[in-house]
Amino acid sequence: MRRTTLLIILCCLFTQWGMAQAPKWLDKTKKAVFSVITYDKDDKILGNGNGFFVTTGGVALSDYSIFKGAQRAVIIDSDGKQLPVVSMMGANSMYDVVKFRVAIDKSCVALPLATTLPAVDEEVLLLPYSTQKERLFKTGNVKELSKAGEEHQYYTLSMVLADNQVSCPVVNKNGEVFAMAQKASGADAGNTCYAVGVSLPMSLEITGLSLGNADLRSIGIRKAFPEAEDQALVYLFMASSGGNPEEYATLLDNFIVQFPNSADGYIRRATNWVHTAKDPSNIEKAAADLKRAAELSKNKDEVYYNSARLMYSYVLLGRSSGKADWTMDKALTEIRMANSINPLPIYKQMEGDILFAMKDYEGAFKAYDEVSRTNMASPAVFFSAAKSKQLAGADVKEVIALMDSCIAYCPKPMNESNAAYLLERAQMYMDTEQYRQALVDYDTYFTALKENVNDVFYYYREQAAFYGKQFQRALNDINKAIELAPNNAGYRLELGVVNLRVGRYDEALEALDKSISMEPTGDAYRLKGIALMQLKKNAEACENFAKAKELGDTLVDELIKKNCQ
């Protein structure tokens, strides 16, 4: 009886672990399997499991569930050596798989990927993690094949899987990995397990849009960059608006490590140094990165342009650069160098901006005017040209003509994004006493903003209506301004002015008294005196004129001389 029991035990052991029939390749390939330990934000153990290398460069696979919420992770290889996980390369919570990179010294043992897939009933092997010398493995058969997604395989195996064997590699008789073990549950758990084809986790990759991947976001470990530089640059761009300056700065450093010959990486890091500069040393770092970009770039004009752009923005912000040559003059030299190499409209636009900042408005206009004759012509370009002309002291008709072009280039109907140009032209019309034209622009602005305007707008439009002799409109607008800002004494004063102009003297007095109660001024008393004179209340009028003079109003002197002597 004892002999029979012993034979049964031995048979089970040989069947499950295959110790006596271990394949020749096992001694080497078992080194590709490792243990994984993940840690949370408090550096406490979050989970542990298994994984295995699939490239000699340290790319590995494991299960997603132990990485979810992890802030760092390490692996322990078959020699007991601990190595850090340096980046995540993909994650899929539905199939519970991740791909990641481990920091290795030079190279590691990796499992070769199977070139052909096993058939139903074919014998397969599971390689468990072990730091021992025993040649352990587990055998079973493929019971069923199904699909994982559209392109990948999912296997049902006749194999008993222990808890500590989840995510171990499943290989064919040649030692080529084709799947990763996943534990069964329910009624079949006793003699069945599942395995997801390794083609699925191997297909995971970081792209330029991976920042939006929820599975990757749930893992706090650094994400790898896309393999392709253009996708990595998209990834950087997306990360730049993520709101975490420290993480973005680290990403820039990592990008340069991965793409050391990319001029774009150095330009972007220089840009970040400038935008986050807290001390002069950051500008030194930016200058060094720009110098390195110039050494690497085949398009020297792009480097000159970015140098000019960064110098311009830094000086414009009024910061002390700590570098004597980070000036507007230097920025102008750099942009002109760019333009001499490759005369692009964007470079000429930058030249105009720099000259405008230097108050060389004639020069700025010439630059903007040149851009306006290219395919970069836009409302903003014409507006810049108009402001340059205005500040250079040009005839206002020339300035308005440029504003006409600015507004002509705006999409129609006008909307919130470009309606501000209407206010600029309206003010120019007001300055040249073209009140009716100003009123048209104010009305168009009102429509563009879907009537969502404030009290100040109503005041400005009231002024255009008043001087354009549309007095009822003026009354309507100033009353609307008062409705929105009832505590503004100036609006009450203006209401008094409009009422005086249309001969509504009692209403004018009411408005002026309210203005005086809120903020007594010489203007208000003088206007009140005029209203009283129209009502034949000369004595009261003179009292108010005297009060106006007392408050420093100089316009009242002639009224006193004429009516109060």
Protein backbone atom coordinates (compact mmCIF):
# COMPACT_ATOMS: atom_id res chain seq x y z
CA MET A 1 0.00 0.00 0.00
CA ARG A 2 2.79 2.42 0.89
CA ARG A 3 4.56 1.55 -2.36
CA THR A 4 1.43 2.30 -4.40
CA THR A 5 0.97 5.68 -2.69
CA LEU A 6 4.59 6.58 -3.33
CA LEU A 7 4.27 5.74 -7.01
CA ILE A 8 1.18 7.94 -7.33
CA ILE A 9 2.97 10.87 -5.69
CA LEU A 10 6.00 10.46 -7.95
CA CYS A 11 3.80 10.28 -11.05
CA CYS A 12 2.05 13.51 -10.05
CA LEU A 13 5.31 15.27 -9.47
CA PHE A 14 6.76 14.23 -12.79
CA THR A 15 3.55 15.17 -14.58
CA GLN A 16 3.24 18.61 -12.98
CA TRP A 17 6.86 19.67 -12.71
CA GLY A 18 8.64 17.54 -15.29
CA MET A 19 11.82 17.54 -13.21
CA ALA A 20 13.26 14.39 -14.79
CA GLN A 21 12.43 15.41 -18.35
CA ALA A 22 13.47 19.06 -18.22
CA PRO A 23 14.29 20.43 -21.69
CA LYS A 24 17.85 21.51 -22.41
CA TRP A 25 16.91 25.15 -22.87
CA LEU A 26 15.35 25.46 -19.42
CA ASP A 27 18.51 26.38 -17.50
CA LYS A 28 18.91 29.54 -19.56
CA THR A 29 15.32 30.58 -20.21
CA LYS A 30 14.24 30.35 -16.57
CA LYS A 31 16.47 33.38 -15.94
CA ALA A 32 14.00 35.45 -17.97
CA VAL A 33 11.32 35.01 -15.28
CA PHE A 34 11.28 37.31 -12.25
CA SER A 35 9.21 38.45 -9.29
CA VAL A 36 7.60 41.93 -9.23
CA ILE A 37 6.94 44.11 -6.17
CA THR A 38 4.98 47.37 -6.47
CA TYR A 39 4.77 50.21 -3.93
CA ASP A 40 2.13 52.85 -3.23
CA LYS A 41 2.54 56.61 -2.64
CA ASP A 42 3.61 55.96 0.97
CA ASP A 43 6.25 53.51 -0.27
CA LYS A 44 4.40 50.57 1.23
CA ILE A 45 4.08 47.31 -0.66
CA LEU A 46 1.04 47.49 -2.91
CA GLY A 47 1.23 44.14 -4.67
CA ASN A 48 3.51 41.38 -5.90
CA GLY A 49 3.47 38.91 -8.73
CA ASN A 50 5.51 37.62 -11.64
CA GLY A 51 6.79 38.83 -14.96
CA PHE A 52 9.28 37.95 -17.67
CA PHE A 53 11.64 39.63 -20.10
CA VAL A 54 10.74 39.65 -23.78
CA THR A 55 13.76 41.63 -25.02
CA THR A 56 17.39 41.58 -23.97
CA GLY A 57 17.11 45.35 -23.51
CA GLY A 58 14.90 44.99 -20.43
CA VAL A 59 11.36 45.13 -21.85
CA ALA A 60 9.08 42.92 -19.78
CA LEU A 61 5.45 41.84 -19.28
CA SER A 62 3.33 41.33 -16.18
CA ASP A 63 -0.25 41.82 -14.93
CA TYR A 64 -1.92 45.21 -14.70
CA SER A 65 -3.66 44.57 -11.37
CA ILE A 66 -0.48 44.71 -9.29
CA PHE A 67 0.63 47.95 -11.00
CA LYS A 68 -2.62 49.88 -10.62
CA GLY A 69 -1.98 52.72 -8.16
CA ALA A 70 1.74 51.97 -7.96
CA GLN A 71 4.23 54.82 -7.64
CA ARG A 72 7.28 52.64 -8.10
CA ALA A 73 8.14 48.99 -8.71
CA VAL A 74 11.11 46.65 -8.62
CA ILE A 75 11.80 43.20 -9.94
CA ILE A 76 13.84 40.44 -8.30
CA ASP A 77 15.54 38.27 -10.88
CA SER A 78 16.42 34.58 -10.64
CA ASP A 79 19.76 35.47 -9.04
CA GLY A 80 17.96 37.44 -6.30
CA LYS A 81 19.13 40.79 -7.67
CA GLN A 82 16.75 43.73 -7.30
CA LEU A 83 16.29 46.04 -10.30
CA PRO A 84 13.97 49.08 -10.64
CA VAL A 85 11.16 49.44 -13.15
CA VAL A 86 12.02 52.66 -14.95
CA SER A 87 9.05 53.24 -17.25
CA MET A 88 5.67 51.94 -18.30
CA MET A 89 5.28 51.14 -21.99
CA GLY A 90 1.62 50.17 -22.10
CA ALA A 91 -1.32 48.95 -20.01
CA ASN A 92 -4.61 47.15 -20.64
CA SER A 93 -6.92 46.64 -17.67
CA MET A 94 -9.43 44.54 -19.63
CA TYR A 95 -6.90 41.76 -20.26
CA ASP A 96 -4.85 42.56 -17.13
CA VAL A 97 -1.52 43.09 -18.87
CA VAL A 98 1.25 45.68 -18.77
CA LYS A 99 4.46 46.22 -20.67
CA PHE A 100 7.33 48.05 -19.01
CA ARG A 101 11.09 48.57 -19.03
CA VAL A 102 13.50 47.47 -16.31
CA ALA A 103 16.84 49.14 -15.64
CA ILE A 104 19.46 46.53 -16.55
CA ASP A 105 23.23 46.77 -16.60
CA LYS A 106 23.90 45.68 -20.18
CA SER A 107 21.56 42.94 -21.34
CA CYS A 108 19.36 40.28 -19.86
CA VAL A 109 18.05 36.83 -20.76
CA ALA A 110 14.79 37.17 -22.65
CA LEU A 111 12.28 34.60 -23.82
CA PRO A 112 12.09 34.29 -27.61
CA LEU A 113 8.63 35.02 -29.00
CA ALA A 114 6.87 32.07 -30.64
CA THR A 115 6.66 32.32 -34.41
CA THR A 116 3.84 29.74 -34.63
CA LEU A 117 0.94 29.29 -32.23
CA PRO A 118 0.18 25.98 -30.49
CA ALA A 119 -2.83 23.95 -31.62
CA VAL A 120 -5.58 22.45 -29.48
CA ASP A 121 -4.33 19.42 -27.48
CA GLU A 122 -0.70 20.45 -27.96
CA GLU A 123 1.45 20.17 -24.85
CA VAL A 124 2.77 23.41 -23.42
CA LEU A 125 4.93 24.39 -20.46
CA LEU A 126 4.66 27.02 -17.74
CA LEU A 127 7.90 28.47 -16.35
CA PRO A 128 7.53 29.58 -12.71
CA TYR A 129 9.75 32.14 -11.02
CA SER A 130 12.46 30.56 -8.90
CA THR A 131 15.76 31.54 -7.33
CA GLN A 132 16.64 27.88 -6.78
CA LYS A 133 18.74 25.61 -8.97
CA GLU A 134 15.92 23.11 -9.50
CA ARG A 135 14.78 22.83 -13.09
CA LEU A 136 11.10 23.43 -12.37
CA PHE A 137 8.33 23.73 -14.92
CA LYS A 138 4.70 22.72 -15.25
CA THR A 139 3.07 20.99 -18.19
CA GLY A 140 -0.45 20.98 -19.59
CA ASN A 141 -2.37 21.05 -22.83
CA VAL A 142 -4.22 23.62 -24.87
CA LYS A 143 -7.93 22.89 -24.36
CA GLU A 144 -9.39 25.75 -26.34
CA LEU A 145 -8.45 28.73 -28.48
CA SER A 146 -10.45 31.98 -28.64
CA LYS A 147 -9.90 35.62 -29.58
CA ALA A 148 -8.63 38.47 -27.40
CA GLY A 149 -9.73 41.47 -29.38
CA GLU A 150 -9.53 41.16 -33.14
CA GLU A 151 -5.93 40.12 -33.61
CA HIS A 152 -4.78 38.21 -30.53
CA GLN A 153 -5.28 34.78 -29.00
CA TYR A 154 -6.72 33.71 -25.68
CA TYR A 155 -6.04 30.17 -24.43
CA THR A 156 -7.78 27.77 -22.09
CA LEU A 157 -5.21 25.34 -20.65
CA SER A 158 -5.61 22.06 -18.81
CA MET A 159 -3.23 23.12 -16.07
CA VAL A 160 -3.56 23.73 -12.35
CA LEU A 161 -2.22 27.18 -11.55
CA ALA A 162 -1.09 28.20 -8.08
CA ASP A 163 -1.60 31.79 -6.90
CA ASN A 164 2.11 32.50 -7.10
CA GLN A 165 2.26 31.41 -10.75
CA VAL A 166 -0.07 34.04 -12.21
CA SER A 167 1.63 36.05 -15.01
CA CYS A 168 4.32 33.43 -15.55
CA PRO A 169 5.20 32.69 -19.17
CA VAL A 170 3.64 29.80 -21.07
CA VAL A 171 6.01 28.40 -23.71
CA ASN A 172 6.00 25.75 -26.41
CA LYS A 173 8.34 22.76 -26.51
CA ASN A 174 11.09 24.91 -28.02
CA GLY A 175 11.02 27.37 -25.13
CA GLU A 176 9.33 30.14 -27.15
CA VAL A 177 6.80 32.18 -25.21
CA PHE A 178 3.33 32.50 -26.69
CA ALA A 179 1.16 33.43 -23.68
CA MET A 180 1.02 34.74 -20.12
CA ALA A 181 -0.79 32.68 -17.49
CA GLN A 182 -3.96 34.00 -15.89
CA LYS A 183 -5.78 32.22 -13.10
CA ALA A 184 -9.17 30.59 -13.64
CA SER A 185 -12.07 31.11 -11.29
CA GLY A 186 -15.33 29.34 -10.53
CA ALA A 187 -16.02 25.68 -11.29
CA ASP A 188 -13.05 25.22 -13.63
CA ALA A 189 -10.46 26.65 -11.25
CA GLY A 190 -9.38 23.22 -10.02
CA ASN A 191 -8.01 21.89 -13.30
CA THR A 192 -8.04 24.82 -15.72
CA CYS A 193 -6.32 28.12 -16.19
CA TYR A 194 -6.25 30.75 -18.90
CA ALA A 195 -3.49 32.51 -20.77
CA VAL A 196 -3.53 35.66 -22.85
CA GLY A 197 -1.40 35.63 -25.99
CA VAL A 198 1.77 37.69 -25.59
CA SER A 199 1.06 39.40 -28.90
CA LEU A 200 -1.51 41.50 -27.01
CA PRO A 201 0.80 43.04 -24.38
CA MET A 202 3.57 43.23 -26.95
CA SER A 203 1.29 45.36 -29.15
CA LEU A 204 0.87 47.95 -26.37
CA GLU A 205 2.75 51.14 -27.06
CA ILE A 206 3.01 54.73 -25.99
CA THR A 207 1.80 57.17 -28.64
CA GLY A 208 1.54 60.93 -28.78
CA LEU A 209 -1.97 60.70 -27.33
CA SER A 210 -1.26 58.19 -24.53
CA LEU A 211 -1.55 60.88 -21.85
CA GLY A 212 -5.30 60.38 -22.13
CA ASN A 213 -5.12 56.61 -21.51
CA ALA A 214 -6.95 55.92 -18.23
CA ASP A 215 -5.10 52.66 -17.56
CA LEU A 216 -1.71 54.36 -17.87
CA ARG A 217 -2.87 57.34 -15.79
CA SER A 218 -3.78 54.98 -12.95
CA ILE A 219 -0.10 54.02 -12.65
CA GLY A 220 2.17 56.61 -11.07
CA ILE A 221 5.38 55.21 -12.54
CA ARG A 222 6.95 57.29 -15.31
CA LYS A 223 5.64 56.56 -18.78
CA ALA A 224 8.05 55.73 -21.56
CA PHE A 225 8.25 57.96 -24.59
CA PRO A 226 7.00 56.74 -27.95
CA GLU A 227 9.73 55.04 -29.96
CA ALA A 228 9.27 57.41 -32.90
CA GLU A 229 10.58 60.94 -32.36
CA ASP A 230 7.62 62.61 -34.05
CA GLN A 231 5.19 60.80 -31.72
CA ALA A 232 7.40 61.61 -28.73
CA LEU A 233 7.21 65.30 -29.66
CA VAL A 234 3.41 65.08 -29.78
CA TYR A 235 3.52 63.43 -26.35
CA LEU A 236 5.65 66.31 -25.04
CA PHE A 237 3.24 68.85 -26.49
CA MET A 238 0.29 67.17 -24.78
CA ALA A 239 2.21 67.02 -21.49
CA SER A 240 3.08 70.73 -21.67
CA SER A 241 -0.52 71.65 -20.88
CA GLY A 242 -0.89 69.08 -18.10
CA GLY A 243 -0.45 71.59 -15.28
CA ASN A 244 2.47 69.92 -13.48
CA PRO A 245 5.69 71.88 -14.20
CA GLU A 246 7.93 69.47 -12.29
CA GLU A 247 6.70 66.43 -14.20
CA TYR A 248 7.01 68.26 -17.51
CA ALA A 249 10.59 69.31 -16.71
CA THR A 250 11.42 65.67 -15.97
CA LEU A 251 9.82 64.60 -19.23
CA LEU A 252 12.00 67.06 -21.13
CA ASP A 253 15.12 65.63 -19.51
CA ASN A 254 13.98 62.09 -20.32
CA PHE A 255 13.20 63.04 -23.90
CA ILE A 256 16.74 64.33 -24.38
CA VAL A 257 18.16 61.13 -22.87
CA GLN A 258 16.11 59.06 -25.33
CA PHE A 259 16.67 61.39 -28.31
CA PRO A 260 20.04 63.04 -27.59
CA ASN A 261 20.41 64.25 -31.18
CA SER A 262 17.02 65.94 -31.42
CA ALA A 263 17.35 69.72 -31.71
CA ASP A 264 13.63 69.99 -30.91
CA GLY A 265 14.21 68.51 -27.46
CA TYR A 266 16.80 71.14 -26.56
CA ILE A 267 14.64 73.97 -27.95
CA ARG A 268 11.65 72.81 -25.90
CA ARG A 269 13.73 72.50 -22.77
CA ALA A 270 15.19 75.96 -23.35
CA THR A 271 11.63 77.27 -23.71
CA ASN A 272 10.69 75.68 -20.42
CA TRP A 273 13.76 77.15 -18.70
CA VAL A 274 12.71 80.62 -19.83
CA HIS A 275 9.03 80.28 -18.95
CA THR A 276 9.76 78.90 -15.49
CA ALA A 277 12.88 80.95 -14.79
CA LYS A 278 13.23 81.82 -11.12
CA ASP A 279 16.87 82.87 -11.16
CA PRO A 280 19.47 83.92 -13.75
CA SER A 281 21.02 80.43 -13.84
CA ASN A 282 17.97 79.17 -15.72
CA ILE A 283 18.73 81.56 -18.55
CA GLU A 284 22.27 80.23 -18.67
CA LYS A 285 20.80 76.73 -19.03
CA ALA A 286 18.44 77.94 -21.74
CA ALA A 287 21.33 79.52 -23.62
CA ALA A 288 23.30 76.27 -23.37
CA ASP A 289 20.38 74.27 -24.74
CA LEU A 290 19.92 76.69 -27.62
CA LYS A 291 23.62 76.42 -28.43
CA ARG A 292 23.35 72.62 -28.46
CA ALA A 293 20.26 72.82 -30.68
CA ALA A 294 22.19 75.00 -33.13
CA GLU A 295 24.94 72.37 -33.25
CA LEU A 296 22.46 69.57 -33.99
CA SER A 297 19.90 71.24 -36.21
CA LYS A 298 20.06 71.13 -39.97
CA ASN A 299 17.66 74.06 -40.06
CA LYS A 300 19.68 76.80 -38.39
CA ASP A 301 16.97 79.36 -39.09
CA GLU A 302 14.59 77.54 -36.72
CA VAL A 303 17.12 77.80 -33.90
CA TYR A 304 17.69 81.51 -34.56
CA TYR A 305 13.92 82.04 -34.57
CA ASN A 306 13.43 80.25 -31.27
CA SER A 307 16.35 82.13 -29.73
CA ALA A 308 14.77 85.42 -30.78
CA ARG A 309 11.35 84.32 -29.56
CA LEU A 310 12.64 83.37 -26.12
CA MET A 311 14.73 86.50 -25.70
CA TYR A 312 11.78 88.65 -26.74
CA SER A 313 9.32 87.00 -24.34
CA TYR A 314 11.80 87.05 -21.45
CA VAL A 315 12.72 90.71 -21.82
CA LEU A 316 9.09 91.66 -22.45
CA LEU A 317 8.16 90.19 -19.07
CA GLY A 318 10.61 92.60 -17.47
CA ARG A 319 12.79 89.98 -15.83
CA SER A 320 16.50 90.38 -15.23
CA SER A 321 18.14 87.82 -17.44
CA GLY A 322 21.54 87.70 -15.80
CA LYS A 323 22.99 87.62 -19.32
CA ALA A 324 24.09 90.88 -20.87
CA ASP A 325 23.32 89.68 -24.41
CA TRP A 326 19.69 88.68 -23.68
CA THR A 327 18.26 91.96 -24.95
CA MET A 328 15.76 93.12 -27.56
CA ASP A 329 18.68 94.17 -29.74
CA LYS A 330 20.08 90.64 -29.58
CA ALA A 331 16.62 89.18 -30.30
CA LEU A 332 16.39 91.44 -33.37
CA THR A 333 19.79 90.23 -34.58
CA GLU A 334 18.75 86.59 -34.13
CA ILE A 335 15.46 86.93 -36.01
CA ARG A 336 17.15 88.74 -38.86
CA MET A 337 19.68 85.90 -39.07
CA ALA A 338 16.78 83.45 -39.34
CA ASN A 339 15.17 85.54 -42.05
CA SER A 340 18.41 85.79 -44.01
CA ILE A 341 18.66 82.00 -44.12
CA ASN A 342 15.00 81.31 -44.87
CA PRO A 343 12.70 84.32 -45.37
CA LEU A 344 9.47 83.03 -43.83
CA PRO A 345 6.48 85.21 -42.92
CA ILE A 346 6.53 83.93 -39.34
CA TYR A 347 10.08 85.27 -38.95
CA LYS A 348 9.06 88.66 -40.33
CA GLN A 349 6.10 88.68 -37.91
CA MET A 350 8.51 88.07 -35.03
CA GLU A 351 10.70 90.91 -36.28
CA GLY A 352 7.65 93.19 -36.23
CA ASP A 353 6.83 92.18 -32.65
CA ILE A 354 10.39 92.87 -31.51
CA LEU A 355 10.51 96.27 -33.25
CA PHE A 356 7.13 97.17 -31.73
CA ALA A 357 8.47 96.32 -28.26
CA MET A 358 11.48 98.51 -29.02
CA LYS A 359 9.03 101.35 -29.96
CA ASP A 360 10.33 101.43 -33.51
CA TYR A 361 6.78 101.71 -34.84
CA GLU A 362 7.76 102.62 -38.40
CA GLY A 363 9.97 99.54 -38.60
CA ALA A 364 7.31 97.39 -37.00
CA PHE A 365 4.72 98.59 -39.53
CA LYS A 366 7.00 97.73 -42.45
CA ALA A 367 7.43 94.20 -41.08
CA TYR A 368 3.70 93.68 -40.46
CA ASP A 369 2.86 95.17 -43.84
CA GLU A 370 5.16 92.65 -45.49
CA VAL A 371 3.48 89.78 -43.62
CA SER A 372 0.04 91.07 -44.63
CA ARG A 373 0.99 90.42 -48.26
CA THR A 374 1.66 86.72 -47.63
CA ASN A 375 -0.45 83.68 -46.83
CA MET A 376 0.00 84.57 -43.15
CA ALA A 377 -2.24 87.61 -43.51
CA SER A 378 -4.75 87.61 -40.68
CA PRO A 379 -6.86 89.96 -38.57
CA ALA A 380 -4.09 90.00 -35.95
CA VAL A 381 -1.46 91.02 -38.50
CA PHE A 382 -3.55 93.92 -39.83
CA PHE A 383 -4.36 94.99 -36.29
CA SER A 384 -0.67 95.06 -35.38
CA ALA A 385 0.01 97.09 -38.51
CA ALA A 386 -2.79 99.51 -37.58
CA LYS A 387 -1.50 100.01 -34.03
CA SER A 388 2.03 100.55 -35.37
CA LYS A 389 0.76 103.20 -37.78
CA GLN A 390 -1.26 104.84 -35.02
CA LEU A 391 1.65 105.00 -32.60
CA ALA A 392 3.95 106.27 -35.36
CA GLY A 393 1.65 109.31 -35.68
CA ALA A 394 0.19 108.47 -39.08
CA ASP A 395 -3.01 109.99 -40.44
CA VAL A 396 -5.95 108.38 -38.69
CA LYS A 397 -7.53 107.62 -42.07
CA GLU A 398 -4.60 105.29 -42.84
CA VAL A 399 -5.06 103.60 -39.48
CA ILE A 400 -8.78 103.10 -40.04
CA ALA A 401 -8.08 101.68 -43.51
CA LEU A 402 -5.86 99.04 -41.88
CA MET A 403 -8.58 98.31 -39.31
CA ASP A 404 -11.00 97.88 -42.21
CA SER A 405 -8.69 95.19 -43.60
CA CYS A 406 -8.39 93.63 -40.15
CA ILE A 407 -12.15 93.28 -39.82
CA ALA A 408 -12.55 92.19 -43.46
CA TYR A 409 -10.29 89.22 -42.72
CA CYS A 410 -12.45 88.14 -39.77
CA PRO A 411 -14.89 85.27 -40.37
CA LYS A 412 -18.47 86.37 -40.80
CA PRO A 413 -20.62 86.70 -38.86
CA MET A 414 -18.30 88.16 -36.25
CA ASN A 415 -17.99 86.21 -33.01
CA GLU A 416 -16.51 86.63 -29.55
CA SER A 417 -13.00 85.70 -30.66
CA ASN A 418 -12.63 88.61 -33.06
CA ALA A 419 -15.27 91.13 -31.91
CA ALA A 420 -12.69 93.16 -29.96
CA TYR A 421 -11.42 94.55 -33.27
CA LEU A 422 -14.80 96.25 -33.68
CA LEU A 423 -14.32 98.13 -30.41
CA GLU A 424 -10.90 99.32 -31.57
CA ARG A 425 -12.28 100.68 -34.83
CA ALA A 426 -15.28 102.19 -33.07
CA GLN A 427 -12.94 104.18 -30.82
CA MET A 428 -11.02 105.39 -33.87
CA TYR A 429 -14.29 106.52 -35.42
CA MET A 430 -15.14 108.36 -32.19
CA ASP A 431 -11.74 110.08 -32.22
CA THR A 432 -12.43 111.33 -35.77
CA GLU A 433 -16.02 112.35 -34.97
CA GLN A 434 -17.51 109.66 -37.21
CA TYR A 435 -20.12 108.83 -34.63
CA ARG A 436 -22.62 107.02 -36.82
CA GLN A 437 -19.92 104.64 -38.09
CA ALA A 438 -18.82 104.05 -34.49
CA LEU A 439 -22.41 103.22 -33.59
CA VAL A 440 -22.57 100.60 -36.35
CA ASP A 441 -19.44 98.91 -34.95
CA TYR A 442 -20.86 98.96 -31.44
CA ASP A 443 -24.09 97.38 -32.69
CA THR A 444 -22.18 94.67 -34.57
CA TYR A 445 -20.13 93.97 -31.45
CA PHE A 446 -23.36 93.75 -29.43
CA THR A 447 -24.71 91.12 -31.83
CA ALA A 448 -21.42 89.19 -31.95
CA LEU A 449 -21.44 88.82 -28.16
CA LYS A 450 -25.11 87.81 -28.25
CA GLU A 451 -26.02 90.85 -26.14
CA ASN A 452 -23.81 89.60 -23.30
CA VAL A 453 -22.16 92.96 -22.56
CA ASN A 454 -21.45 95.01 -19.44
CA ASP A 455 -22.24 98.51 -18.24
CA VAL A 456 -19.07 99.97 -19.76
CA PHE A 457 -20.17 98.90 -23.23
CA TYR A 458 -23.54 100.61 -22.80
CA TYR A 459 -21.75 103.78 -21.70
CA TYR A 460 -19.48 103.80 -24.77
CA ARG A 461 -22.36 103.13 -27.13
CA GLU A 462 -24.38 105.86 -25.41
CA GLN A 463 -21.55 108.28 -26.18
CA ALA A 464 -21.63 107.34 -29.87
CA ALA A 465 -25.41 107.70 -29.96
CA PHE A 466 -25.34 111.03 -28.10
CA TYR A 467 -22.76 112.67 -30.37
CA GLY A 468 -24.45 111.07 -33.35
CA LYS A 469 -27.63 112.91 -32.27
CA GLN A 470 -29.58 109.71 -31.62
CA PHE A 471 -30.74 110.90 -28.23
CA GLN A 472 -33.38 108.29 -27.48
CA ARG A 473 -30.81 105.53 -28.05
CA ALA A 474 -28.43 107.45 -25.81
CA LEU A 475 -31.04 107.58 -23.05
CA ASN A 476 -31.80 103.88 -23.41
CA ASP A 477 -28.12 102.90 -23.18
CA ILE A 478 -27.20 105.12 -20.24
CA ASN A 479 -30.23 103.85 -18.33
CA LYS A 480 -29.11 100.28 -19.06
CA ALA A 481 -25.63 101.12 -17.80
CA ILE A 482 -27.18 102.47 -14.56
CA GLU A 483 -29.29 99.34 -14.24
CA LEU A 484 -26.12 97.20 -14.37
CA ALA A 485 -24.03 99.52 -12.17
CA PRO A 486 -26.44 101.54 -9.96
CA ASN A 487 -23.67 102.90 -7.73
CA ASN A 488 -21.71 104.55 -10.53
CA ALA A 489 -22.04 108.31 -10.04
CA GLY A 490 -20.57 109.04 -13.47
CA TYR A 491 -23.43 107.26 -15.21
CA ARG A 492 -25.97 109.38 -13.28
CA LEU A 493 -24.04 112.47 -14.35
CA GLU A 494 -24.18 111.33 -18.00
CA LEU A 495 -27.93 110.72 -17.69
CA GLY A 496 -28.25 114.32 -16.53
CA VAL A 497 -26.29 115.50 -19.58
CA VAL A 498 -28.52 113.60 -22.03
CA ASN A 499 -31.70 114.84 -20.36
CA LEU A 500 -30.40 118.42 -20.48
CA ARG A 501 -29.68 118.03 -24.21
CA VAL A 502 -33.25 116.95 -24.98
CA GLY A 503 -34.83 119.55 -22.71
CA ARG A 504 -35.97 117.23 -19.94
CA TYR A 505 -34.80 119.54 -17.14
CA ASP A 506 -36.67 117.98 -14.22
CA GLU A 507 -35.34 114.55 -15.16
CA ALA A 508 -31.87 116.08 -15.51
CA LEU A 509 -32.09 117.55 -11.99
CA GLU A 510 -33.17 114.21 -10.57
CA ALA A 511 -30.20 112.44 -12.17
CA LEU A 512 -27.72 115.15 -11.15
CA ASP A 513 -28.96 115.24 -7.55
CA LYS A 514 -28.44 111.47 -7.38
CA SER A 515 -24.93 111.83 -8.80
CA ILE A 516 -24.07 114.57 -6.27
CA SER A 517 -25.37 112.45 -3.37
CA MET A 518 -23.02 109.67 -4.45
CA GLU A 519 -19.98 111.76 -5.49
CA PRO A 520 -20.18 115.58 -5.38
CA THR A 521 -18.12 117.10 -8.21
CA GLY A 522 -17.78 120.49 -9.83
CA ASP A 523 -19.16 119.09 -13.10
CA ALA A 524 -22.34 117.87 -11.40
CA TYR A 525 -23.01 121.20 -9.65
CA ARG A 526 -22.34 123.19 -12.83
CA LEU A 527 -24.74 121.01 -14.85
CA LYS A 528 -27.34 121.24 -12.09
CA GLY A 529 -27.01 125.02 -12.19
CA ILE A 530 -27.62 124.98 -15.96
CA ALA A 531 -30.78 122.88 -15.49
CA LEU A 532 -32.02 125.30 -12.83
CA MET A 533 -31.36 128.29 -15.11
CA GLN A 534 -33.54 126.61 -17.77
CA LEU A 535 -36.28 126.30 -15.13
CA LYS A 536 -35.91 130.02 -14.33
CA LYS A 537 -34.52 129.31 -10.86
CA ASN A 538 -31.60 131.71 -11.19
CA ALA A 539 -30.81 132.09 -7.49
CA GLU A 540 -30.55 128.36 -6.94
CA ALA A 541 -28.59 128.09 -10.15
CA CYS A 542 -26.02 130.61 -8.94
CA GLU A 543 -25.69 128.76 -5.64
CA ASN A 544 -24.80 125.60 -7.56
CA PHE A 545 -22.39 127.50 -9.82
CA ALA A 546 -20.65 128.80 -6.69
CA LYS A 547 -20.42 125.27 -5.32
CA ALA A 548 -18.93 124.11 -8.62
CA LYS A 549 -16.29 126.86 -8.45
CA GLU A 550 -15.56 125.91 -4.85
CA LEU A 551 -14.88 122.33 -6.00
CA GLY A 552 -12.39 123.56 -8.60
CA ASP A 553 -14.49 123.61 -11.76
CA THR A 554 -13.04 126.22 -14.15
CA LEU A 555 -15.73 126.01 -16.83
CA VAL A 556 -18.24 127.62 -14.51
CA ASP A 557 -16.53 131.04 -14.44
CA GLU A 558 -18.19 132.28 -17.62
CA LEU A 559 -21.61 131.14 -16.40
CA ILE A 560 -21.16 133.05 -13.13
CA LYS A 561 -20.02 136.15 -14.97
CA LYS A 562 -22.98 136.03 -17.29
CA ASN A 563 -25.76 135.04 -14.89
CA CYS A 564 -24.76 135.76 -11.29
CA GLN A 565 -23.36 139.31 -11.13
